[in-house]
Full PDB file with SEQRES, HELIX, SHEET, SSBOND, CRYST1, ORIGX, SCALE, CONECT and MASTER records, all heavy atoms in Angstrom:
SEQRES   1 A   37  ALA PHE ALA ALA GLU ASN THR LYS PHE ALA THR GLY PHE          
SEQRES   2 A   37  ALA ALA LEU GLY LEU SER GLY ASP GLY GLY ASN SER TRP          
SEQRES   3 A   37  PHE LEU PRO ARG LEU VAL GLY PRO ARG ARG ALA                  
HELIX    1 AA1 ALA A   14  LEU A   16  5                                   3    
HELIX    2 AA2 ASN A   24  VAL A   32  1                                   9    
CRYST1    1.000    1.000    1.000  90.00  90.00  90.00 P 1           1          
ORIGX1      1.000000  0.000000  0.000000        0.00000                         
ORIGX2      0.000000  1.000000  0.000000        0.00000                         
ORIGX3      0.000000  0.000000  1.000000        0.00000                         
SCALE1      1.000000  0.000000  0.000000        0.00000                         
SCALE2      0.000000  1.000000  0.000000        0.00000                         
SCALE3      0.000000  0.000000  1.000000        0.00000                         
ATOM      1  N   ALA A   1      69.244 -53.439  -1.337  1.00  0.00           N  
ATOM      2  CA  ALA A   1      70.023 -52.848  -0.252  1.00  0.00           C  
ATOM      3  C   ALA A   1      71.319 -53.609  -0.104  1.00  0.00           C  
ATOM      4  O   ALA A   1      71.332 -54.803   0.194  1.00  0.00           O  
ATOM      5  CB  ALA A   1      69.235 -52.857   1.027  1.00  0.00           C  
ATOM      6  N   PHE A   2      72.442 -52.924  -0.283  1.00  0.00           N  
ATOM      7  CA  PHE A   2      73.774 -53.503  -0.139  1.00  0.00           C  
ATOM      8  C   PHE A   2      74.364 -53.014   1.183  1.00  0.00           C  
ATOM      9  O   PHE A   2      74.238 -51.832   1.555  1.00  0.00           O  
ATOM     10  CB  PHE A   2      74.685 -53.037  -1.267  1.00  0.00           C  
ATOM     11  CG  PHE A   2      74.377 -53.700  -2.582  1.00  0.00           C  
ATOM     12  CD1 PHE A   2      73.276 -53.272  -3.341  1.00  0.00           C  
ATOM     13  CD2 PHE A   2      75.197 -54.689  -3.080  1.00  0.00           C  
ATOM     14  CE1 PHE A   2      72.989 -53.866  -4.579  1.00  0.00           C  
ATOM     15  CE2 PHE A   2      74.926 -55.292  -4.321  1.00  0.00           C  
ATOM     16  CZ  PHE A   2      73.822 -54.896  -5.041  1.00  0.00           C  
ATOM     17  N   ALA A   3      75.027 -53.920   1.903  1.00  0.00           N  
ATOM     18  CA  ALA A   3      75.666 -53.557   3.167  1.00  0.00           C  
ATOM     19  C   ALA A   3      77.089 -54.077   3.183  1.00  0.00           C  
ATOM     20  O   ALA A   3      77.374 -55.218   2.776  1.00  0.00           O  
ATOM     21  CB  ALA A   3      74.914 -54.139   4.355  1.00  0.00           C  
ATOM     22  N   ALA A   4      78.017 -53.219   3.618  1.00  0.00           N  
ATOM     23  CA  ALA A   4      79.388 -53.673   3.828  1.00  0.00           C  
ATOM     24  C   ALA A   4      79.409 -54.637   5.035  1.00  0.00           C  
ATOM     25  O   ALA A   4      78.567 -54.523   5.937  1.00  0.00           O  
ATOM     26  CB  ALA A   4      80.309 -52.499   4.102  1.00  0.00           C  
ATOM     27  N   GLU A   5      80.371 -55.538   5.056  1.00  0.00           N  
ATOM     28  CA  GLU A   5      80.396 -56.571   6.092  1.00  0.00           C  
ATOM     29  C   GLU A   5      80.484 -56.034   7.534  1.00  0.00           C  
ATOM     30  O   GLU A   5      80.059 -56.693   8.451  1.00  0.00           O  
ATOM     31  CB  GLU A   5      81.589 -57.495   5.826  1.00  0.00           C  
ATOM     32  CG  GLU A   5      81.463 -58.319   4.537  1.00  0.00           C  
ATOM     33  CD  GLU A   5      82.717 -59.038   4.180  1.00  0.00           C  
ATOM     34  OE1 GLU A   5      83.840 -58.530   4.509  1.00  0.00           O  
ATOM     35  OE2 GLU A   5      82.643 -60.137   3.570  1.00  0.00           O  
ATOM     36  N   ASN A   6      81.045 -54.846   7.685  1.00  0.00           N  
ATOM     37  CA  ASN A   6      81.236 -54.322   9.021  1.00  0.00           C  
ATOM     38  C   ASN A   6      80.031 -53.499   9.554  1.00  0.00           C  
ATOM     39  O   ASN A   6      80.130 -52.907  10.651  1.00  0.00           O  
ATOM     40  CB  ASN A   6      82.516 -53.410   9.063  1.00  0.00           C  
ATOM     41  CG  ASN A   6      82.297 -52.129   8.244  1.00  0.00           C  
ATOM     42  OD1 ASN A   6      81.430 -52.041   7.384  1.00  0.00           O  
ATOM     43  ND2 ASN A   6      83.124 -51.131   8.504  1.00  0.00           N  
ATOM     44  N   THR A   7      78.968 -53.465   8.833  1.00  0.00           N  
ATOM     45  CA  THR A   7      77.880 -52.534   9.154  1.00  0.00           C  
ATOM     46  C   THR A   7      77.069 -53.023  10.357  1.00  0.00           C  
ATOM     47  O   THR A   7      76.780 -54.225  10.502  1.00  0.00           O  
ATOM     48  CB  THR A   7      76.926 -52.373   7.941  1.00  0.00           C  
ATOM     49  OG1 THR A   7      77.704 -52.127   6.777  1.00  0.00           O  
ATOM     50  CG2 THR A   7      75.969 -51.204   8.162  1.00  0.00           C  
ATOM     51  N   LYS A   8      76.676 -52.064  11.232  1.00  0.00           N  
ATOM     52  CA  LYS A   8      75.805 -52.367  12.359  1.00  0.00           C  
ATOM     53  C   LYS A   8      74.471 -51.665  12.164  1.00  0.00           C  
ATOM     54  O   LYS A   8      74.422 -50.538  11.629  1.00  0.00           O  
ATOM     55  CB  LYS A   8      76.443 -51.889  13.675  1.00  0.00           C  
ATOM     56  CG  LYS A   8      77.809 -52.489  13.958  1.00  0.00           C  
ATOM     57  CD  LYS A   8      77.748 -54.014  14.128  1.00  0.00           C  
ATOM     58  CE  LYS A   8      79.116 -54.569  14.499  1.00  0.00           C  
ATOM     59  NZ  LYS A   8      79.105 -56.056  14.580  1.00  0.00           N  
ATOM     60  N   PHE A   9      73.379 -52.292  12.628  1.00  0.00           N  
ATOM     61  CA  PHE A   9      72.030 -51.761  12.461  1.00  0.00           C  
ATOM     62  C   PHE A   9      71.337 -51.697  13.836  1.00  0.00           C  
ATOM     63  O   PHE A   9      71.324 -52.683  14.549  1.00  0.00           O  
ATOM     64  CB  PHE A   9      71.213 -52.658  11.535  1.00  0.00           C  
ATOM     65  CG  PHE A   9      71.830 -52.837  10.166  1.00  0.00           C  
ATOM     66  CD1 PHE A   9      72.875 -53.722   9.954  1.00  0.00           C  
ATOM     67  CD2 PHE A   9      71.372 -52.120   9.075  1.00  0.00           C  
ATOM     68  CE1 PHE A   9      73.467 -53.909   8.718  1.00  0.00           C  
ATOM     69  CE2 PHE A   9      71.911 -52.300   7.821  1.00  0.00           C  
ATOM     70  CZ  PHE A   9      72.962 -53.195   7.638  1.00  0.00           C  
ATOM     71  N   ALA A  10      70.751 -50.561  14.142  1.00  0.00           N  
ATOM     72  CA  ALA A  10      70.067 -50.405  15.427  1.00  0.00           C  
ATOM     73  C   ALA A  10      69.019 -49.297  15.348  1.00  0.00           C  
ATOM     74  O   ALA A  10      69.192 -48.338  14.587  1.00  0.00           O  
ATOM     75  CB  ALA A  10      71.062 -50.109  16.562  1.00  0.00           C  
ATOM     76  N   THR A  11      67.961 -49.416  16.155  1.00  0.00           N  
ATOM     77  CA  THR A  11      66.961 -48.332  16.211  1.00  0.00           C  
ATOM     78  C   THR A  11      67.476 -47.267  17.175  1.00  0.00           C  
ATOM     79  O   THR A  11      67.528 -46.111  16.834  1.00  0.00           O  
ATOM     80  CB  THR A  11      65.603 -48.871  16.644  1.00  0.00           C  
ATOM     81  OG1 THR A  11      65.707 -49.521  17.902  1.00  0.00           O  
ATOM     82  CG2 THR A  11      65.070 -49.836  15.593  1.00  0.00           C  
ATOM     83  N   GLY A  12      67.764 -47.619  18.419  1.00  0.00           N  
ATOM     84  CA  GLY A  12      68.376 -46.695  19.354  1.00  0.00           C  
ATOM     85  C   GLY A  12      67.449 -45.677  19.985  1.00  0.00           C  
ATOM     86  O   GLY A  12      67.889 -44.838  20.801  1.00  0.00           O  
ATOM     87  N   PHE A  13      66.164 -45.720  19.673  1.00  0.00           N  
ATOM     88  CA  PHE A  13      65.251 -44.671  20.152  1.00  0.00           C  
ATOM     89  C   PHE A  13      65.034 -44.771  21.669  1.00  0.00           C  
ATOM     90  O   PHE A  13      65.025 -43.755  22.350  1.00  0.00           O  
ATOM     91  CB  PHE A  13      63.896 -44.782  19.451  1.00  0.00           C  
ATOM     92  CG  PHE A  13      64.011 -44.624  17.949  1.00  0.00           C  
ATOM     93  CD1 PHE A  13      63.667 -45.685  17.108  1.00  0.00           C  
ATOM     94  CD2 PHE A  13      64.425 -43.438  17.391  1.00  0.00           C  
ATOM     95  CE1 PHE A  13      63.747 -45.539  15.718  1.00  0.00           C  
ATOM     96  CE2 PHE A  13      64.510 -43.283  16.033  1.00  0.00           C  
ATOM     97  CZ  PHE A  13      64.199 -44.319  15.179  1.00  0.00           C  
ATOM     98  N   ALA A  14      64.850 -45.981  22.210  1.00  0.00           N  
ATOM     99  CA  ALA A  14      64.530 -46.119  23.593  1.00  0.00           C  
ATOM    100  C   ALA A  14      65.640 -45.577  24.522  1.00  0.00           C  
ATOM    101  O   ALA A  14      65.353 -45.026  25.557  1.00  0.00           O  
ATOM    102  CB  ALA A  14      64.270 -47.587  23.946  1.00  0.00           C  
ATOM    103  N   ALA A  15      66.889 -45.652  24.063  1.00  0.00           N  
ATOM    104  CA  ALA A  15      67.985 -45.135  24.862  1.00  0.00           C  
ATOM    105  C   ALA A  15      67.888 -43.618  25.043  1.00  0.00           C  
ATOM    106  O   ALA A  15      68.470 -43.076  25.976  1.00  0.00           O  
ATOM    107  CB  ALA A  15      69.298 -45.501  24.209  1.00  0.00           C  
ATOM    108  N   LEU A  16      67.169 -42.974  24.137  1.00  0.00           N  
ATOM    109  CA  LEU A  16      66.981 -41.514  24.203  1.00  0.00           C  
ATOM    110  C   LEU A  16      65.615 -41.150  24.752  1.00  0.00           C  
ATOM    111  O   LEU A  16      65.249 -39.957  24.784  1.00  0.00           O  
ATOM    112  CB  LEU A  16      67.152 -40.879  22.826  1.00  0.00           C  
ATOM    113  CG  LEU A  16      68.525 -41.061  22.137  1.00  0.00           C  
ATOM    114  CD1 LEU A  16      68.491 -40.583  20.713  1.00  0.00           C  
ATOM    115  CD2 LEU A  16      69.582 -40.326  22.955  1.00  0.00           C  
ATOM    116  N   GLY A  17      64.827 -42.135  25.131  1.00  0.00           N  
ATOM    117  CA  GLY A  17      63.500 -41.868  25.625  1.00  0.00           C  
ATOM    118  C   GLY A  17      62.535 -41.407  24.552  1.00  0.00           C  
ATOM    119  O   GLY A  17      61.560 -40.726  24.782  1.00  0.00           O  
ATOM    120  N   LEU A  18      62.807 -41.841  23.310  1.00  0.00           N  
ATOM    121  CA  LEU A  18      61.985 -41.447  22.163  1.00  0.00           C  
ATOM    122  C   LEU A  18      61.332 -42.658  21.538  1.00  0.00           C  
ATOM    123  O   LEU A  18      61.770 -43.793  21.717  1.00  0.00           O  
ATOM    124  CB  LEU A  18      62.846 -40.723  21.113  1.00  0.00           C  
ATOM    125  CG  LEU A  18      63.525 -39.422  21.603  1.00  0.00           C  
ATOM    126  CD1 LEU A  18      64.465 -38.876  20.520  1.00  0.00           C  
ATOM    127  CD2 LEU A  18      62.456 -38.375  21.932  1.00  0.00           C  
ATOM    128  N   SER A  19      60.260 -42.407  20.762  1.00  0.00           N  
ATOM    129  CA  SER A  19      59.474 -43.520  20.205  1.00  0.00           C  
ATOM    130  C   SER A  19      59.906 -43.913  18.789  1.00  0.00           C  
ATOM    131  O   SER A  19      59.600 -45.017  18.345  1.00  0.00           O  
ATOM    132  CB  SER A  19      57.988 -43.158  20.196  1.00  0.00           C  
ATOM    133  OG  SER A  19      57.794 -41.922  19.511  1.00  0.00           O  
ATOM    134  N   GLY A  20      60.552 -42.992  18.074  1.00  0.00           N  
ATOM    135  CA  GLY A  20      61.055 -43.369  16.742  1.00  0.00           C  
ATOM    136  C   GLY A  20      60.468 -42.589  15.602  1.00  0.00           C  
ATOM    137  O   GLY A  20      59.374 -42.030  15.724  1.00  0.00           O  
ATOM    138  N   ASP A  21      61.165 -42.619  14.476  1.00  0.00           N  
ATOM    139  CA  ASP A  21      60.733 -41.929  13.256  1.00  0.00           C  
ATOM    140  C   ASP A  21      61.332 -42.690  12.087  1.00  0.00           C  
ATOM    141  O   ASP A  21      61.765 -43.819  12.217  1.00  0.00           O  
ATOM    142  CB  ASP A  21      61.136 -40.436  13.298  1.00  0.00           C  
ATOM    143  CG  ASP A  21      62.655 -40.244  13.192  1.00  0.00           C  
ATOM    144  OD1 ASP A  21      63.390 -41.030  13.846  1.00  0.00           O  
ATOM    145  OD2 ASP A  21      63.113 -39.340  12.467  1.00  0.00           O  
ATOM    146  N   GLY A  22      61.307 -42.048  10.923  1.00  0.00           N  
ATOM    147  CA  GLY A  22      61.921 -42.662   9.734  1.00  0.00           C  
ATOM    148  C   GLY A  22      61.191 -43.813   9.150  1.00  0.00           C  
ATOM    149  O   GLY A  22      61.739 -44.581   8.361  1.00  0.00           O  
ATOM    150  N   GLY A  23      59.921 -43.969   9.558  1.00  0.00           N  
ATOM    151  CA  GLY A  23      59.137 -45.085   9.014  1.00  0.00           C  
ATOM    152  C   GLY A  23      59.415 -46.412   9.685  1.00  0.00           C  
ATOM    153  O   GLY A  23      58.937 -47.472   9.225  1.00  0.00           O  
ATOM    154  N   ASN A  24      60.213 -46.433  10.777  1.00  0.00           N  
ATOM    155  CA  ASN A  24      60.583 -47.685  11.418  1.00  0.00           C  
ATOM    156  C   ASN A  24      59.346 -48.500  11.840  1.00  0.00           C  
ATOM    157  O   ASN A  24      59.336 -49.716  11.665  1.00  0.00           O  
ATOM    158  CB  ASN A  24      61.456 -47.392  12.637  1.00  0.00           C  
ATOM    159  CG  ASN A  24      62.917 -47.266  12.289  1.00  0.00           C  
ATOM    160  OD1 ASN A  24      63.629 -48.246  12.110  1.00  0.00           O  
ATOM    161  ND2 ASN A  24      63.360 -46.009  12.148  1.00  0.00           N  
ATOM    162  N   SER A  25      58.350 -47.826  12.432  1.00  0.00           N  
ATOM    163  CA  SER A  25      57.200 -48.593  12.947  1.00  0.00           C  
ATOM    164  C   SER A  25      56.337 -49.177  11.832  1.00  0.00           C  
ATOM    165  O   SER A  25      55.562 -50.097  12.061  1.00  0.00           O  
ATOM    166  CB  SER A  25      56.328 -47.697  13.838  1.00  0.00           C  
ATOM    167  OG  SER A  25      55.801 -46.619  13.103  1.00  0.00           O  
ATOM    168  N   TRP A  26      56.497 -48.686  10.622  1.00  0.00           N  
ATOM    169  CA  TRP A  26      55.725 -49.213   9.494  1.00  0.00           C  
ATOM    170  C   TRP A  26      56.536 -50.267   8.730  1.00  0.00           C  
ATOM    171  O   TRP A  26      56.027 -51.333   8.430  1.00  0.00           O  
ATOM    172  CB  TRP A  26      55.361 -48.076   8.529  1.00  0.00           C  
ATOM    173  CG  TRP A  26      54.301 -48.432   7.528  1.00  0.00           C  
ATOM    174  CD1 TRP A  26      52.947 -48.426   7.676  1.00  0.00           C  
ATOM    175  CD2 TRP A  26      54.514 -48.853   6.168  1.00  0.00           C  
ATOM    176  NE1 TRP A  26      52.314 -48.808   6.534  1.00  0.00           N  
ATOM    177  CE2 TRP A  26      53.245 -49.102   5.581  1.00  0.00           C  
ATOM    178  CE3 TRP A  26      55.693 -49.083   5.402  1.00  0.00           C  
ATOM    179  CZ2 TRP A  26      53.107 -49.503   4.263  1.00  0.00           C  
ATOM    180  CZ3 TRP A  26      55.524 -49.504   4.098  1.00  0.00           C  
ATOM    181  CH2 TRP A  26      54.249 -49.715   3.546  1.00  0.00           C  
ATOM    182  N   PHE A  27      57.777 -49.959   8.455  1.00  0.00           N  
ATOM    183  CA  PHE A  27      58.597 -50.883   7.648  1.00  0.00           C  
ATOM    184  C   PHE A  27      59.052 -52.117   8.442  1.00  0.00           C  
ATOM    185  O   PHE A  27      59.034 -53.239   7.898  1.00  0.00           O  
ATOM    186  CB  PHE A  27      59.835 -50.163   7.085  1.00  0.00           C  
ATOM    187  CG  PHE A  27      59.564 -49.270   5.917  1.00  0.00           C  
ATOM    188  CD1 PHE A  27      59.469 -47.906   6.074  1.00  0.00           C  
ATOM    189  CD2 PHE A  27      59.384 -49.814   4.660  1.00  0.00           C  
ATOM    190  CE1 PHE A  27      59.224 -47.072   4.969  1.00  0.00           C  
ATOM    191  CE2 PHE A  27      59.143 -49.001   3.564  1.00  0.00           C  
ATOM    192  CZ  PHE A  27      59.057 -47.628   3.725  1.00  0.00           C  
ATOM    193  N   LEU A  28      59.513 -51.901   9.645  1.00  0.00           N  
ATOM    194  CA  LEU A  28      60.112 -53.024  10.378  1.00  0.00           C  
ATOM    195  C   LEU A  28      59.191 -54.227  10.535  1.00  0.00           C  
ATOM    196  O   LEU A  28      59.624 -55.356  10.265  1.00  0.00           O  
ATOM    197  CB  LEU A  28      60.655 -52.568  11.735  1.00  0.00           C  
ATOM    198  CG  LEU A  28      62.068 -51.998  11.743  1.00  0.00           C  
ATOM    199  CD1 LEU A  28      62.407 -51.477  13.144  1.00  0.00           C  
ATOM    200  CD2 LEU A  28      63.070 -53.018  11.272  1.00  0.00           C  
ATOM    201  N   PRO A  29      57.951 -54.062  11.021  1.00  0.00           N  
ATOM    202  CA  PRO A  29      57.118 -55.238  11.165  1.00  0.00           C  
ATOM    203  C   PRO A  29      56.870 -55.959   9.846  1.00  0.00           C  
ATOM    204  O   PRO A  29      56.711 -57.185   9.803  1.00  0.00           O  
ATOM    205  CB  PRO A  29      55.786 -54.681  11.723  1.00  0.00           C  
ATOM    206  CG  PRO A  29      56.162 -53.367  12.336  1.00  0.00           C  
ATOM    207  CD  PRO A  29      57.281 -52.844  11.497  1.00  0.00           C  
ATOM    208  N   ARG A  30      56.877 -55.195   8.744  1.00  0.00           N  
ATOM    209  CA  ARG A  30      56.637 -55.813   7.432  1.00  0.00           C  
ATOM    210  C   ARG A  30      57.867 -56.528   6.906  1.00  0.00           C  
ATOM    211  O   ARG A  30      57.773 -57.513   6.170  1.00  0.00           O  
ATOM    212  CB  ARG A  30      56.159 -54.727   6.452  1.00  0.00           C  
ATOM    213  CG  ARG A  30      54.745 -54.229   6.752  1.00  0.00           C  
ATOM    214  CD  ARG A  30      54.433 -52.932   6.023  1.00  0.00           C  
ATOM    215  NE  ARG A  30      53.019 -52.625   6.126  1.00  0.00           N  
ATOM    216  CZ  ARG A  30      52.440 -52.029   7.171  1.00  0.00           C  
ATOM    217  NH1 ARG A  30      53.201 -51.717   8.209  1.00  0.00           N  
ATOM    218  NH2 ARG A  30      51.145 -51.774   7.163  1.00  0.00           N  
ATOM    219  N   LEU A  31      59.035 -56.020   7.234  1.00  0.00           N  
ATOM    220  CA  LEU A  31      60.283 -56.609   6.735  1.00  0.00           C  
ATOM    221  C   LEU A  31      60.767 -57.753   7.603  1.00  0.00           C  
ATOM    222  O   LEU A  31      61.223 -58.787   7.087  1.00  0.00           O  
ATOM    223  CB  LEU A  31      61.360 -55.540   6.655  1.00  0.00           C  
ATOM    224  CG  LEU A  31      61.207 -54.479   5.552  1.00  0.00           C  
ATOM    225  CD1 LEU A  31      62.254 -53.381   5.710  1.00  0.00           C  
ATOM    226  CD2 LEU A  31      61.313 -55.111   4.177  1.00  0.00           C  
ATOM    227  N   VAL A  32      60.693 -57.616   8.934  1.00  0.00           N  
ATOM    228  CA  VAL A  32      61.293 -58.601   9.801  1.00  0.00           C  
ATOM    229  C   VAL A  32      60.267 -59.329  10.678  1.00  0.00           C  
ATOM    230  O   VAL A  32      60.624 -60.307  11.361  1.00  0.00           O  
ATOM    231  CB  VAL A  32      62.366 -57.985  10.713  1.00  0.00           C  
ATOM    232  CG1 VAL A  32      63.396 -57.222   9.907  1.00  0.00           C  
ATOM    233  CG2 VAL A  32      61.745 -57.043  11.766  1.00  0.00           C  
ATOM    234  N   GLY A  33      58.982 -58.889  10.662  1.00  0.00           N  
ATOM    235  CA  GLY A  33      57.974 -59.461  11.502  1.00  0.00           C  
ATOM    236  C   GLY A  33      57.808 -58.674  12.800  1.00  0.00           C  
ATOM    237  O   GLY A  33      58.754 -58.028  13.277  1.00  0.00           O  
ATOM    238  N   PRO A  34      56.629 -58.730  13.425  1.00  0.00           N  
ATOM    239  CA  PRO A  34      56.376 -57.914  14.606  1.00  0.00           C  
ATOM    240  C   PRO A  34      57.249 -58.297  15.807  1.00  0.00           C  
ATOM    241  O   PRO A  34      57.608 -57.418  16.589  1.00  0.00           O  
ATOM    242  CB  PRO A  34      54.884 -58.137  14.886  1.00  0.00           C  
ATOM    243  CG  PRO A  34      54.520 -59.391  14.157  1.00  0.00           C  
ATOM    244  CD  PRO A  34      55.414 -59.446  12.983  1.00  0.00           C  
ATOM    245  N   ARG A  35      57.527 -59.581  16.012  1.00  0.00           N  
ATOM    246  CA  ARG A  35      58.324 -59.972  17.179  1.00  0.00           C  
ATOM    247  C   ARG A  35      59.769 -59.459  17.064  1.00  0.00           C  
ATOM    248  O   ARG A  35      60.352 -58.947  18.029  1.00  0.00           O  
ATOM    249  CB  ARG A  35      58.320 -61.505  17.348  1.00  0.00           C  
ATOM    250  CG  ARG A  35      56.986 -62.079  17.695  1.00  0.00           C  
ATOM    251  CD  ARG A  35      56.494 -61.568  19.044  1.00  0.00           C  
ATOM    252  NE  ARG A  35      55.296 -62.221  19.452  1.00  0.00           N  
ATOM    253  CZ  ARG A  35      54.519 -61.824  20.438  1.00  0.00           C  
ATOM    254  NH1 ARG A  35      54.853 -60.742  21.141  1.00  0.00           N  
ATOM    255  NH2 ARG A  35      53.412 -62.456  20.747  1.00  0.00           N  
ATOM    256  N   ARG A  36      60.356 -59.613  15.893  1.00  0.00           N  
ATOM    257  CA  ARG A  36      61.717 -59.075  15.706  1.00  0.00           C  
ATOM    258  C   ARG A  36      61.751 -57.568  15.746  1.00  0.00           C  
ATOM    259  O   ARG A  36      62.723 -56.986  16.259  1.00  0.00           O  
ATOM    260  CB  ARG A  36      62.304 -59.648  14.404  1.00  0.00           C  
ATOM    261  CG  ARG A  36      62.738 -61.114  14.513  1.00  0.00           C  
ATOM    262  CD  ARG A  36      63.273 -61.661  13.213  1.00  0.00           C  
ATOM    263  NE  ARG A  36      64.053 -62.869  13.472  1.00  0.00           N  
ATOM    264  CZ  ARG A  36      64.612 -63.591  12.472  1.00  0.00           C  
ATOM    265  NH1 ARG A  36      64.480 -63.189  11.204  1.00  0.00           N  
ATOM    266  NH2 ARG A  36      65.304 -64.668  12.766  1.00  0.00           N  
ATOM    267  N   ALA A  37      60.710 -56.947  15.212  1.00  0.00           N  
ATOM    268  CA  ALA A  37      60.644 -55.486  15.313  1.00  0.00           C  
ATOM    269  C   ALA A  37      60.625 -55.048  16.774  1.00  0.00           C  
ATOM    270  O   ALA A  37      61.290 -54.085  17.173  1.00  0.00           O  
ATOM    271  CB  ALA A  37      59.400 -54.976  14.571  1.00  0.00           C  
TER     272      ALA A  37                                                      
MASTER        0    0    0    2    0    0    0    6  271    1    0    3          
END                                                                             
């Protein structure tokens, strides 16, 4: 995964009152750990 220096990353689901999709709940704990997720 390549990222340009100006890139921002966010889930953003809670701001919409939603729980999330796109595999976030599966990938994030495995990639960054449960606390950071």
